[in-house]
Protein backbone atom coordinates (compact mmCIF):
# COMPACT_ATOMS: atom_id res chain seq x y z
CA MET A 1 0.00 0.00 0.00
CA ARG A 2 2.84 2.39 0.72
CA LEU A 3 4.15 1.81 -2.80
CA ILE A 4 0.79 2.71 -4.33
CA ARG A 5 0.59 5.88 -2.26
CA ARG A 6 4.01 6.90 -3.48
CA MET A 7 3.14 6.24 -7.12
CA ARG A 8 0.06 8.46 -7.24
CA PRO A 9 1.95 11.73 -6.77
CA LEU A 10 4.43 10.62 -9.41
CA ARG A 11 1.61 10.03 -11.88
CA ALA A 12 0.16 13.46 -11.15
CA PHE A 13 3.55 15.07 -11.55
CA ALA A 14 4.02 13.30 -14.87
CA LEU A 15 0.82 14.88 -16.13
CA LEU A 16 1.96 18.43 -15.32
CA PRO A 17 3.75 19.04 -18.66
CA LEU A 18 0.62 18.01 -20.53
CA LEU A 19 -1.53 20.28 -18.39
CA LEU A 20 0.84 23.21 -18.90
CA LEU A 21 0.88 22.57 -22.64
CA ALA A 22 -2.91 22.60 -22.76
CA LEU A 23 -3.07 25.83 -20.75
CA THR A 24 -0.50 27.47 -23.01
CA ALA A 25 -2.50 26.47 -26.07
CA CYS A 26 -5.63 27.98 -24.57
CA ASP A 27 -3.78 31.20 -23.72
CA SER A 28 -2.32 31.40 -27.22
CA GLU A 29 -5.74 30.94 -28.79
CA SER A 30 -7.19 33.60 -26.50
CA ASP A 31 -4.35 36.01 -27.28
CA SER A 32 -4.80 35.38 -31.00
CA GLU A 33 -8.48 36.18 -30.80
CA SER A 34 -7.91 39.41 -28.83
CA ASP A 35 -4.84 40.63 -30.74
CA PRO A 36 -6.07 41.60 -34.22
CA ASP A 37 -3.77 42.78 -36.97
CA LEU A 38 -3.98 46.54 -36.49
CA GLY A 39 -1.71 47.49 -39.38
CA TRP A 40 0.61 49.99 -37.68
CA ALA A 41 2.25 52.51 -40.02
CA SER A 42 5.52 54.23 -39.09
CA ILE A 43 5.28 58.03 -39.09
CA PRO A 44 8.69 59.74 -39.31
CA ALA A 45 9.69 62.63 -37.07
CA GLY A 46 9.28 66.05 -38.60
CA SER A 47 8.14 69.65 -38.30
CA PHE A 48 5.08 71.24 -39.85
CA THR A 49 2.88 74.30 -39.65
CA MET A 50 -0.27 73.26 -37.80
CA GLY A 51 -3.53 75.05 -38.50
CA CYS A 52 -3.93 77.88 -40.94
CA LYS A 53 -3.07 81.56 -41.07
CA TYR A 54 -6.05 83.87 -40.77
CA ASP A 55 -5.94 86.61 -43.38
CA ASN A 56 -8.52 89.27 -44.19
CA SER A 57 -7.44 89.51 -47.81
CA ASP A 58 -9.67 88.50 -50.68
CA ASP A 59 -7.63 85.33 -51.11
CA TYR A 60 -9.08 83.85 -47.92
CA ASN A 61 -12.61 82.87 -47.01
CA TYR A 62 -14.36 80.75 -44.40
CA TRP A 63 -13.38 77.48 -46.06
CA ASN A 64 -9.68 78.37 -45.91
CA CYS A 65 -9.27 79.37 -42.29
CA PRO A 66 -12.00 79.46 -39.63
CA SER A 67 -10.86 80.79 -36.25
CA PRO A 68 -10.72 77.40 -34.40
CA SER A 69 -7.86 76.38 -36.72
CA SER A 70 -5.73 79.46 -36.10
CA PRO A 71 -3.27 80.82 -35.28
CA SER A 72 -0.94 78.64 -37.27
CA HIS A 73 2.13 77.49 -35.35
CA GLU A 74 5.20 75.36 -35.87
CA VAL A 75 5.14 71.92 -34.27
CA ASN A 76 7.97 69.40 -33.95
CA VAL A 77 6.56 65.87 -33.95
CA PRO A 78 8.66 62.91 -32.75
CA ALA A 79 8.46 59.65 -34.67
CA PHE A 80 5.46 57.53 -33.77
CA GLU A 81 3.20 54.86 -35.18
CA MET A 82 -0.45 55.10 -36.18
CA MET A 83 -2.99 52.58 -37.38
CA ALA A 84 -3.17 52.75 -41.17
CA THR A 85 -6.96 52.52 -40.99
CA GLU A 86 -9.73 53.42 -38.61
CA VAL A 87 -10.55 50.71 -36.07
CA THR A 88 -13.02 48.31 -37.64
CA GLN A 89 -16.03 46.70 -36.04
CA THR A 90 -14.31 43.30 -36.17
CA GLN A 91 -11.15 44.61 -34.50
CA TYR A 92 -13.15 46.31 -31.78
CA GLU A 93 -15.17 43.19 -31.06
CA GLN A 94 -12.04 41.02 -30.93
CA VAL A 95 -10.55 43.20 -28.23
CA ILE A 96 -13.55 44.52 -26.29
CA GLY A 97 -15.93 41.61 -26.85
CA SER A 98 -18.85 43.53 -28.34
CA ASN A 99 -19.75 45.56 -31.41
CA PRO A 100 -21.71 48.76 -30.70
CA LEU A 101 -23.22 48.54 -34.20
CA ALA A 102 -24.28 44.89 -33.99
CA ASP A 103 -27.83 44.17 -35.14
CA THR A 104 -28.18 47.60 -36.73
CA MET A 105 -28.28 48.65 -40.37
CA HIS A 106 -24.70 49.90 -39.88
CA GLU A 107 -23.25 46.52 -38.92
CA CYS A 108 -20.33 45.83 -41.27
CA ALA A 109 -17.28 43.79 -40.27
CA ASP A 110 -14.67 45.85 -42.11
CA CYS A 111 -16.31 49.25 -41.68
CA PRO A 112 -15.18 51.64 -38.94
CA VAL A 113 -16.63 51.05 -35.51
CA ALA A 114 -18.74 53.94 -34.21
CA ARG A 115 -21.02 54.76 -31.29
CA VAL A 116 -17.97 54.69 -29.05
CA SER A 117 -17.22 57.36 -26.46
CA TRP A 118 -13.83 58.96 -25.90
CA HIS A 119 -13.41 56.75 -22.84
CA ASP A 120 -14.26 53.63 -24.89
CA THR A 121 -11.65 54.46 -27.48
CA ARG A 122 -8.94 55.07 -24.90
CA ALA A 123 -9.71 51.71 -23.31
CA PHE A 124 -9.35 49.94 -26.66
CA CYS A 125 -6.07 51.68 -27.51
CA GLU A 126 -4.61 50.91 -24.10
CA ALA A 127 -5.65 47.26 -24.47
CA VAL A 128 -3.61 46.92 -27.68
CA GLY A 129 -0.57 48.73 -26.32
CA GLY A 130 -1.35 52.13 -27.79
CA ARG A 131 -3.15 55.38 -27.09
CA LEU A 132 -5.22 57.97 -28.88
CA PRO A 133 -3.12 60.23 -31.10
CA SER A 134 -2.60 63.82 -30.09
CA GLU A 135 -4.28 66.37 -32.31
CA ALA A 136 -0.88 67.51 -33.59
CA GLU A 137 0.07 63.92 -34.46
CA TRP A 138 -3.24 63.44 -36.23
CA GLU A 139 -2.91 66.55 -38.40
CA TYR A 140 0.77 65.90 -39.14
CA ALA A 141 -0.06 62.32 -40.17
CA ALA A 142 -3.06 63.42 -42.25
CA ARG A 143 -1.06 65.97 -44.21
CA ALA A 144 1.88 63.59 -44.78
CA GLY A 145 4.18 66.38 -45.87
CA THR A 146 1.65 68.31 -47.95
CA GLU A 147 0.49 71.86 -47.29
CA GLY A 148 -2.83 72.04 -49.11
CA LEU A 149 -6.34 71.26 -47.95
CA TYR A 150 -6.04 67.65 -49.11
CA TYR A 151 -3.09 65.32 -49.43
CA CYS A 152 -4.10 64.59 -53.03
CA GLY A 153 -3.87 68.11 -54.46
CA GLU A 154 -4.10 71.86 -54.04
CA GLU A 155 -7.35 72.64 -55.88
CA VAL A 156 -10.28 73.36 -53.57
CA CYS A 157 -13.40 71.30 -54.22
CA GLY A 158 -16.30 73.45 -55.35
CA ILE A 159 -14.11 76.56 -55.72
CA ASP A 160 -11.11 75.81 -57.92
CA VAL A 161 -12.61 72.70 -59.48
CA GLU A 162 -16.07 71.18 -59.78
CA ILE A 163 -16.74 68.72 -56.97
CA GLU A 164 -17.23 65.79 -59.33
CA ASP A 165 -13.72 66.42 -60.70
CA CYS A 166 -12.09 66.93 -57.32
CA CYS A 167 -9.31 64.54 -56.27
CA LEU A 168 -10.91 64.30 -52.82
CA LEU A 169 -13.38 61.76 -54.19
CA ASP A 170 -10.44 59.45 -54.91
CA ILE A 171 -9.25 59.48 -51.30
CA ALA A 172 -12.40 59.96 -49.23
CA TRP A 173 -15.94 58.79 -48.64
CA VAL A 174 -18.00 61.98 -48.39
CA GLU A 175 -21.59 63.02 -49.05
CA GLN A 176 -21.14 62.95 -52.81
CA ASN A 177 -20.03 59.30 -53.05
CA SER A 178 -20.82 57.55 -49.74
CA ASP A 179 -24.57 56.90 -50.18
CA ASN A 180 -24.87 58.16 -46.59
CA HIS A 181 -23.07 55.31 -44.85
CA ALA A 182 -19.57 54.33 -43.81
CA HIS A 183 -17.56 52.04 -46.07
CA PRO A 184 -14.96 49.32 -45.44
CA VAL A 185 -11.65 50.86 -44.47
CA GLY A 186 -8.76 51.06 -46.91
CA GLU A 187 -10.76 51.22 -50.13
CA LYS A 188 -9.62 54.73 -51.12
CA GLN A 189 -6.12 55.92 -51.98
CA PRO A 190 -3.73 56.30 -48.99
CA ASN A 191 -1.48 59.27 -48.30
CA ALA A 192 2.32 59.25 -48.44
CA PHE A 193 2.53 57.77 -44.93
CA GLY A 194 0.33 54.84 -45.96
CA LEU A 195 -2.72 56.05 -44.01
CA TYR A 196 -6.25 55.55 -45.32
CA ASP A 197 -9.44 57.55 -44.71
CA MET A 198 -7.74 60.55 -43.15
CA HIS A 199 -10.44 62.40 -45.09
CA GLY A 200 -14.02 61.15 -44.85
CA ASN A 201 -15.57 57.85 -43.74
CA VAL A 202 -15.85 58.66 -40.01
CA THR A 203 -14.84 61.53 -37.76
CA GLU A 204 -12.11 60.51 -35.30
CA TRP A 205 -11.49 61.09 -31.60
CA VAL A 206 -8.09 62.41 -30.52
CA GLU A 207 -6.60 62.82 -27.04
CA ASP A 208 -6.70 66.61 -26.64
CA CYS A 209 -9.05 68.74 -24.61
CA TRP A 210 -11.06 71.17 -26.71
CA HIS A 211 -9.75 74.71 -27.07
CA PRO A 212 -11.50 77.19 -29.41
CA SER A 213 -8.19 78.25 -30.97
CA PHE A 214 -4.56 77.16 -31.10
CA GLU A 215 -3.43 80.06 -28.93
CA GLY A 216 -1.05 78.51 -26.38
CA ALA A 217 -1.03 75.04 -27.96
CA PRO A 218 2.02 72.77 -27.38
CA ASP A 219 4.71 72.83 -30.04
CA ASP A 220 6.23 69.40 -29.32
CA GLY A 221 3.51 67.16 -30.77
CA SER A 222 2.07 66.24 -27.37
CA ALA A 223 -1.63 66.27 -26.51
CA TRP A 224 -3.08 69.49 -25.08
CA VAL A 225 -4.82 68.00 -22.07
CA MET A 226 -4.98 70.94 -19.69
CA ASP A 227 -8.44 71.74 -18.25
CA CYS A 228 -10.40 68.60 -19.12
CA VAL A 229 -8.82 65.29 -18.10
CA MET A 230 -10.15 65.47 -14.54
CA TYR A 231 -13.74 65.97 -15.67
CA PRO A 232 -15.43 62.93 -17.29
CA GLN A 233 -17.94 65.00 -19.27
CA SER A 234 -15.60 67.65 -20.65
CA GLU A 235 -15.22 68.55 -24.30
CA VAL A 236 -12.42 67.00 -26.28
CA VAL A 237 -11.29 67.32 -29.90
CA THR A 238 -12.51 65.38 -32.91
CA ARG A 239 -10.81 65.54 -36.28
CA ASN A 240 -11.88 64.75 -39.84
CA GLN A 241 -15.23 65.08 -41.57
CA SER A 242 -17.36 61.98 -41.97
CA TYR A 243 -19.16 60.38 -44.90
CA GLN A 244 -22.06 62.72 -44.13
CA ALA A 245 -20.10 65.90 -44.94
CA SER A 246 -19.94 67.63 -48.30
CA ALA A 247 -16.70 67.47 -50.26
CA SER A 248 -16.59 71.27 -50.18
CA SER A 249 -16.14 71.24 -46.38
CA SER A 250 -13.68 68.35 -45.97
CA ASN A 251 -9.96 68.98 -45.53
CA SER A 252 -7.11 68.30 -43.11
CA LEU A 253 -6.43 71.94 -42.18
CA TYR A 254 -9.47 72.76 -40.13
CA ASP A 255 -11.61 69.67 -39.78
CA ARG A 256 -11.69 69.98 -36.01
CA GLY A 257 -14.51 70.35 -33.54
CA PRO A 258 -15.60 69.68 -29.94
CA ALA A 259 -17.49 66.70 -28.57
CA LEU A 260 -18.32 65.62 -25.03
CA MET A 261 -16.23 62.70 -23.79
CA LEU A 262 -19.37 60.62 -23.27
CA ASP A 263 -20.86 61.39 -26.69
CA VAL A 264 -21.52 58.54 -29.09
CA ALA A 265 -22.47 59.05 -32.73
CA ILE A 266 -23.06 56.88 -35.76
CA SER A 267 -20.32 58.67 -37.69
CA LEU A 268 -17.70 59.04 -34.92
CA GLY A 269 -14.91 56.48 -34.65
CA PHE A 270 -11.15 56.45 -34.05
CA ARG A 271 -7.73 55.01 -34.73
CA CYS A 272 -4.87 54.39 -32.30
CA ALA A 273 -1.29 55.61 -32.15
CA ARG A 274 1.73 54.51 -30.16
CA ASP A 275 5.21 55.83 -29.47
CA GLY A 276 7.89 55.06 -32.03
CA GLU A 277 10.58 52.54 -31.26
């Protein structure tokens, strides 16, 4: 009997490697399901003029430079990484476990997720090892070295060129070509940094608190978070115009506005960023 008692622990011990292997397999499967391919694009360090210069001359009008996008200021942006596309409904569900657009007419696996608050988006980005981009990072990435209203050309839709002939329709889903709904990410032409839908499709949350002008904004590419991070219902910044906006009002210079942190909207989504290596 003593021999039998001694053998039982040995048998249990012999099974430990198999148990550990099974647990590792389960963990790997779980990690695979919650770690979607987010398609990070490398954004090089650089300097740019953020915002636009207000000018009372006849060469400027409301579409060129509204006051929330001025004064223009030089910003030095360190290298970082940003998702090449907006977060999709599938990616969000893989990480968070639910799709805010499930069982609605807007459910679409490869379309941007929406109906997510600022807090929801920060939770997702933190879960995948990232963060929301600062507003300066977002605009720098959207412009990708260009200085015009769009990264595809200098001519202004509806002013310099007829809207139907505007290059914006090649890079963005807007009112004129979206049929009033979001589209799968990555279907339009990317910019020079390899980023898609930086014009159109959905409006995007960024990290910064809302300020009605750039007076006093940071010049190092960091988020401007003074005055709002301690208050869960404060206003923060959104960038980009969505598929609901007219081509004549969509550009990377001044597509900025305020939204409450707890707001959710059918045309408001996000993408994540993370520090460069």
